[in-house]
Amino acid sequence: MPVPNTVENKENCICLKCPTFSSCMSESKEGLFCATGKSGCEIEKQECICESCPIDREYQLTANLDLMEKMILKMNQFYCENGPAK
């Protein structure tokens, strides 16, 4: 299920707290990557916290995955680099 780009979702978004979130993203006022897609900034991957986001739970982005799928997703989730949730 696609994540809507709404004010409520922006308020619940934890992208700003992510270790991968950069000053470039902040200056560009980016965030809510699961809805808006890839960042226009260069990504220096650190840790992805998307799975712990309330939006992930609300839209069940990872809820129906088994453990192996979650491990693979954890390595590739990075919506800021890979685009929006589908």
C-alpha atoms as a PDB file:
ATOM      1  CA  MET A   1       0.000   0.000   0.000  1.00  0.00           C
ATOM      2  CA  PRO A   2       1.504   3.346  -0.977  1.00  0.00           C
ATOM      3  CA  VAL A   3       2.056   5.821   1.848  1.00  0.00           C
ATOM      4  CA  PRO A   4       0.191   9.114   1.346  1.00  0.00           C
ATOM      5  CA  ASN A   5       2.222  12.311   1.583  1.00  0.00           C
ATOM      6  CA  THR A   6       0.090  13.999   4.266  1.00  0.00           C
ATOM      7  CA  VAL A   7       0.708  16.492   7.067  1.00  0.00           C
ATOM      8  CA  GLU A   8      -0.158  13.807   9.640  1.00  0.00           C
ATOM      9  CA  ASN A   9       2.383  11.385   8.156  1.00  0.00           C
ATOM     10  CA  LYS A  10       5.029  14.129   8.082  1.00  0.00           C
ATOM     11  CA  GLU A  11       4.388  14.753  11.794  1.00  0.00           C
ATOM     12  CA  ASN A  12       4.838  11.028  12.570  1.00  0.00           C
ATOM     13  CA  CYS A  13       7.864  10.629  10.302  1.00  0.00           C
ATOM     14  CA  ILE A  14      11.160   9.702  12.003  1.00  0.00           C
ATOM     15  CA  CYS A  15      13.426  10.315   8.986  1.00  0.00           C
ATOM     16  CA  LEU A  16      14.977  13.315  10.766  1.00  0.00           C
ATOM     17  CA  LYS A  17      16.181  10.976  13.551  1.00  0.00           C
ATOM     18  CA  CYS A  18      17.762   8.470  11.174  1.00  0.00           C
ATOM     19  CA  PRO A  19      21.570   8.107  11.301  1.00  0.00           C
ATOM     20  CA  THR A  20      21.567   8.231   7.477  1.00  0.00           C
ATOM     21  CA  PHE A  21      19.662  11.558   7.407  1.00  0.00           C
ATOM     22  CA  SER A  22      22.155  14.210   6.331  1.00  0.00           C
ATOM     23  CA  SER A  23      22.521  17.973   6.587  1.00  0.00           C
ATOM     24  CA  CYS A  24      21.837  18.133   2.830  1.00  0.00           C
ATOM     25  CA  MET A  25      18.472  16.427   3.395  1.00  0.00           C
ATOM     26  CA  SER A  26      17.736  18.804   6.246  1.00  0.00           C
ATOM     27  CA  GLU A  27      18.646  21.881   4.202  1.00  0.00           C
ATOM     28  CA  SER A  28      16.476  20.581   1.334  1.00  0.00           C
ATOM     29  CA  LYS A  29      13.605  19.961   3.800  1.00  0.00           C
ATOM     30  CA  GLU A  30      13.395  16.339   2.723  1.00  0.00           C
ATOM     31  CA  GLY A  31      11.821  13.500   4.646  1.00  0.00           C
ATOM     32  CA  LEU A  32       8.950  11.015   4.585  1.00  0.00           C
ATOM     33  CA  PHE A  33      10.907   9.098   1.955  1.00  0.00           C
ATOM     34  CA  CYS A  34       8.522   6.109   2.143  1.00  0.00           C
ATOM     35  CA  ALA A  35       5.938   8.436   0.538  1.00  0.00           C
ATOM     36  CA  THR A  36       7.987  10.999  -1.382  1.00  0.00           C
ATOM     37  CA  GLY A  37      10.718   8.712  -2.696  1.00  0.00           C
ATOM     38  CA  LYS A  38      14.431   9.120  -3.206  1.00  0.00           C
ATOM     39  CA  SER A  39      16.437  11.947  -1.744  1.00  0.00           C
ATOM     40  CA  GLY A  40      18.061  14.442  -4.062  1.00  0.00           C
ATOM     41  CA  CYS A  41      21.148  14.267  -1.833  1.00  0.00           C
ATOM     42  CA  GLU A  42      24.053  11.866  -1.883  1.00  0.00           C
ATOM     43  CA  ILE A  43      23.344   8.983   0.507  1.00  0.00           C
ATOM     44  CA  GLU A  44      25.988   7.871   2.964  1.00  0.00           C
ATOM     45  CA  LYS A  45      24.370   4.733   4.379  1.00  0.00           C
ATOM     46  CA  GLN A  46      24.697   4.262   8.089  1.00  0.00           C
ATOM     47  CA  GLU A  47      21.724   2.612   9.754  1.00  0.00           C
ATOM     48  CA  CYS A  48      18.152   2.429   8.468  1.00  0.00           C
ATOM     49  CA  ILE A  49      15.442   2.922  11.121  1.00  0.00           C
ATOM     50  CA  CYS A  50      12.445   2.780   8.766  1.00  0.00           C
ATOM     51  CA  GLU A  51      11.209  -0.474  10.312  1.00  0.00           C
ATOM     52  CA  SER A  52      10.801   1.226  13.714  1.00  0.00           C
ATOM     53  CA  CYS A  53       8.747   4.120  12.295  1.00  0.00           C
ATOM     54  CA  PRO A  54       5.070   4.484  13.291  1.00  0.00           C
ATOM     55  CA  ILE A  55       4.275   4.913   9.590  1.00  0.00           C
ATOM     56  CA  ASP A  56       5.744   1.469   8.895  1.00  0.00           C
ATOM     57  CA  ARG A  57       3.308   0.011  11.440  1.00  0.00           C
ATOM     58  CA  GLU A  58       0.319   2.063  10.313  1.00  0.00           C
ATOM     59  CA  TYR A  59       0.687   1.110   6.648  1.00  0.00           C
ATOM     60  CA  GLN A  60       2.037  -2.383   7.426  1.00  0.00           C
ATOM     61  CA  LEU A  61       5.076  -1.911   5.223  1.00  0.00           C
ATOM     62  CA  THR A  62       6.940  -4.783   6.907  1.00  0.00           C
ATOM     63  CA  ALA A  63       4.247  -6.376   9.127  1.00  0.00           C
ATOM     64  CA  ASN A  64       3.476  -9.288   6.787  1.00  0.00           C
ATOM     65  CA  LEU A  65       7.072 -10.296   6.112  1.00  0.00           C
ATOM     66  CA  ASP A  66       8.740 -13.363   7.605  1.00  0.00           C
ATOM     67  CA  LEU A  67      12.071 -13.086   9.445  1.00  0.00           C
ATOM     68  CA  MET A  68      14.262 -13.752   6.378  1.00  0.00           C
ATOM     69  CA  GLU A  69      12.338 -11.204   4.305  1.00  0.00           C
ATOM     70  CA  LYS A  70      12.725  -8.655   7.121  1.00  0.00           C
ATOM     71  CA  MET A  71      16.483  -9.268   7.260  1.00  0.00           C
ATOM     72  CA  ILE A  72      16.792  -8.744   3.496  1.00  0.00           C
ATOM     73  CA  LEU A  73      14.554  -5.667   3.659  1.00  0.00           C
ATOM     74  CA  LYS A  74      16.577  -4.230   6.555  1.00  0.00           C
ATOM     75  CA  MET A  75      19.623  -4.227   4.280  1.00  0.00           C
ATOM     76  CA  ASN A  76      17.738  -2.633   1.391  1.00  0.00           C
ATOM     77  CA  GLN A  77      14.946  -0.554   2.948  1.00  0.00           C
ATOM     78  CA  PHE A  78      16.560   2.895   2.721  1.00  0.00           C
ATOM     79  CA  TYR A  79      13.582   4.632   1.047  1.00  0.00           C
ATOM     80  CA  CYS A  80      15.787   7.739   0.872  1.00  0.00           C
ATOM     81  CA  GLU A  81      17.940   5.863  -1.651  1.00  0.00           C
ATOM     82  CA  ASN A  82      15.631   3.246  -3.168  1.00  0.00           C
ATOM     83  CA  GLY A  83      12.387   5.156  -3.571  1.00  0.00           C
ATOM     84  CA  PRO A  84       8.952   5.051  -1.960  1.00  0.00           C
ATOM     85  CA  ALA A  85       7.243   2.063  -0.356  1.00  0.00           C
ATOM     86  CA  LYS A  86       5.000   0.123  -2.705  1.00  0.00           C
END
